[in-house]
C-alpha atoms as a PDB file:
ATOM      1  CA  TYR A   1      99.796  86.124 116.420  1.00  0.00           C
ATOM      2  CA  THR A   2      99.630  88.502 119.338  1.00  0.00           C
ATOM      3  CA  VAL A   3     100.617  86.992 122.654  1.00  0.00           C
ATOM      4  CA  ALA A   4      98.266  87.987 125.486  1.00  0.00           C
ATOM      5  CA  MET A   5      98.529  85.358 128.193  1.00  0.00           C
ATOM      6  CA  PRO A   6      96.954  85.416 131.644  1.00  0.00           C
ATOM      7  CA  SER A   7      99.515  86.376 134.306  1.00  0.00           C
ATOM      8  CA  GLY A   8      99.361  82.956 136.013  1.00  0.00           C
ATOM      9  CA  MET A   9     100.085  81.007 132.819  1.00  0.00           C
ATOM     10  CA  ASN A  10     103.705  80.289 131.813  1.00  0.00           C
ATOM     11  CA  TYR A  11     103.097  78.920 128.300  1.00  0.00           C
ATOM     12  CA  PHE A  12     100.649  77.090 126.041  1.00  0.00           C
ATOM     13  CA  LYS A  13     100.921  74.838 123.007  1.00  0.00           C
ATOM     14  CA  THR A  14      98.462  74.447 120.153  1.00  0.00           C
ATOM     15  CA  GLU A  15      98.830  71.611 117.659  1.00  0.00           C
ATOM     16  CA  ASN A  16      97.597  70.940 114.129  1.00  0.00           C
ATOM     17  CA  LEU A  17      96.879  74.512 113.111  1.00  0.00           C
ATOM     18  CA  THR A  18      96.197  75.064 109.404  1.00  0.00           C
ATOM     19  CA  PHE A  19      97.004  78.108 107.254  1.00  0.00           C
ATOM     20  CA  ARG A  20      96.734  78.023 103.447  1.00  0.00           C
ATOM     21  CA  GLY A  21      97.212  74.266 103.364  1.00  0.00           C
ATOM     22  CA  ALA A  22     100.195  74.250 105.744  1.00  0.00           C
ATOM     23  CA  LYS A  23      99.908  72.480 109.083  1.00  0.00           C
ATOM     24  CA  TYR A  24     102.001  73.425 112.108  1.00  0.00           C
ATOM     25  CA  ASP A  25     102.164  73.635 115.903  1.00  0.00           C
ATOM     26  CA  ILE A  26     102.936  76.668 118.066  1.00  0.00           C
ATOM     27  CA  SER A  27     104.232  77.056 121.609  1.00  0.00           C
ATOM     28  CA  VAL A  28     103.888  80.473 123.221  1.00  0.00           C
ATOM     29  CA  GLY A  29     105.259  81.880 126.474  1.00  0.00           C
ATOM     30  CA  GLN A  30     105.649  85.320 128.034  1.00  0.00           C
ATOM     31  CA  ASP A  31     109.026  85.733 126.278  1.00  0.00           C
ATOM     32  CA  PHE A  32     109.052  83.205 123.430  1.00  0.00           C
ATOM     33  CA  PHE A  33     107.172  81.998 120.358  1.00  0.00           C
ATOM     34  CA  ARG A  34     107.988  78.691 118.692  1.00  0.00           C
ATOM     35  CA  ILE A  35     106.678  77.255 115.423  1.00  0.00           C
ATOM     36  CA  ASP A  36     107.349  73.560 114.881  1.00  0.00           C
ATOM     37  CA  SER A  37     106.132  70.411 113.124  1.00  0.00           C
ATOM     38  CA  VAL A  38     105.552  72.446 109.943  1.00  0.00           C
ATOM     39  CA  ARG A  39     104.121  70.418 107.069  1.00  0.00           C
ATOM     40  CA  ASN A  40     103.257  71.419 103.476  1.00  0.00           C
ATOM     41  CA  ALA A  41     104.226  75.106 103.855  1.00  0.00           C
ATOM     42  CA  SER A  42     105.284  77.009 100.762  1.00  0.00           C
ATOM     43  CA  ALA A  43     108.364  79.219 101.099  1.00  0.00           C
ATOM     44  CA  ASP A  44     106.356  82.441 100.665  1.00  0.00           C
ATOM     45  CA  LEU A  45     104.078  81.975 103.719  1.00  0.00           C
ATOM     46  CA  LYS A  46     104.842  84.470 106.512  1.00  0.00           C
ATOM     47  CA  VAL A  47     103.650  84.947 110.091  1.00  0.00           C
ATOM     48  CA  GLU A  48     103.628  88.214 112.054  1.00  0.00           C
ATOM     49  CA  ILE A  49     104.407  87.719 115.740  1.00  0.00           C
ATOM     50  CA  LYS A  50     103.767  90.254 118.530  1.00  0.00           C
ATOM     51  CA  LEU A  51     105.284  89.521 121.930  1.00  0.00           C
ATOM     52  CA  PRO A  52     104.742  91.765 124.963  1.00  0.00           C
ATOM     53  CA  TYR A  53     107.853  93.473 126.297  1.00  0.00           C
ATOM     54  CA  LYS A  54     108.540  95.577 129.374  1.00  0.00           C
ATOM     55  CA  GLY A  55     111.854  97.278 129.873  1.00  0.00           C
ATOM     56  CA  ASN A  56     114.416  99.504 128.217  1.00  0.00           C
ATOM     57  CA  GLU A  57     117.050  97.121 126.878  1.00  0.00           C
ATOM     58  CA  ILE A  58     115.969  94.402 124.463  1.00  0.00           C
ATOM     59  CA  THR A  59     117.530  91.475 122.659  1.00  0.00           C
ATOM     60  CA  VAL A  60     115.538  89.442 120.147  1.00  0.00           C
ATOM     61  CA  GLU A  61     116.847  86.026 119.134  1.00  0.00           C
ATOM     62  CA  LYS A  62     115.699  83.909 116.227  1.00  0.00           C
ATOM     63  CA  ASP A  63     116.861  80.294 116.385  1.00  0.00           C
ATOM     64  CA  GLY A  64     119.560  81.242 118.914  1.00  0.00           C
ATOM     65  CA  LYS A  65     121.018  84.148 116.897  1.00  0.00           C
ATOM     66  CA  VAL A  66     120.601  87.791 117.925  1.00  0.00           C
ATOM     67  CA  LEU A  67     118.605  89.776 115.365  1.00  0.00           C
ATOM     68  CA  PRO A  68     119.669  93.271 114.300  1.00  0.00           C
ATOM     69  CA  THR A  69     117.255  95.978 115.470  1.00  0.00           C
ATOM     70  CA  GLY A  70     116.040  96.542 111.893  1.00  0.00           C
ATOM     71  CA  ASP A  71     114.518  93.045 111.800  1.00  0.00           C
ATOM     72  CA  TYR A  72     111.839  93.889 114.397  1.00  0.00           C
ATOM     73  CA  THR A  73     109.958  96.866 115.831  1.00  0.00           C
ATOM     74  CA  VAL A  74     109.198  97.827 119.436  1.00  0.00           C
ATOM     75  CA  GLU A  75     106.010  99.828 119.897  1.00  0.00           C
ATOM     76  CA  ASP A  76     103.288 100.174 122.533  1.00  0.00           C
ATOM     77  CA  GLY A  77     104.826  97.465 124.736  1.00  0.00           C
ATOM     78  CA  TYR A  78     105.156  94.874 121.963  1.00  0.00           C
ATOM     79  CA  VAL A  79     107.993  93.487 119.880  1.00  0.00           C
ATOM     80  CA  THR A  80     106.746  92.749 116.364  1.00  0.00           C
ATOM     81  CA  LEU A  81     108.504  90.740 113.673  1.00  0.00           C
ATOM     82  CA  THR A  82     107.591  88.771 110.571  1.00  0.00           C
ATOM     83  CA  VAL A  83     109.048  85.316 109.942  1.00  0.00           C
ATOM     84  CA  ALA A  84     108.562  82.545 107.411  1.00  0.00           C
ATOM     85  CA  LEU A  85     106.071  79.842 108.350  1.00  0.00           C
ATOM     86  CA  ALA A  86     108.839  77.382 109.141  1.00  0.00           C
ATOM     87  CA  GLU A  87     110.366  75.775 112.223  1.00  0.00           C
ATOM     88  CA  THR A  88     111.401  78.862 114.181  1.00  0.00           C
ATOM     89  CA  ASN A  89     112.134  79.823 117.781  1.00  0.00           C
ATOM     90  CA  ILE A  90     111.845  83.491 118.795  1.00  0.00           C
ATOM     91  CA  LYS A  91     113.054  84.604 122.238  1.00  0.00           C
ATOM     92  CA  ILE A  92     112.898  88.059 123.843  1.00  0.00           C
ATOM     93  CA  LYS A  93     115.513  88.981 126.476  1.00  0.00           C
END
């Protein structure tokens, strides 16, 4: 998923998405990406997330814990990371 929201929109939520038999919901904002209500997902399913970022200093949190810089990349104004298709909350600070 690449987040590209209109400037006037704070967030959106999409429910009942399907990927390889798994069903899940996502909520996306300018600085967060949340996967929830995951059903029937195998442990090997992964999702790549790209969130826009402006600034010099960055902190990326996954489920409230700060990620080490090796767990994500910052390039061309985006933070990119890959996570399991499971209940997850990513926040950019």
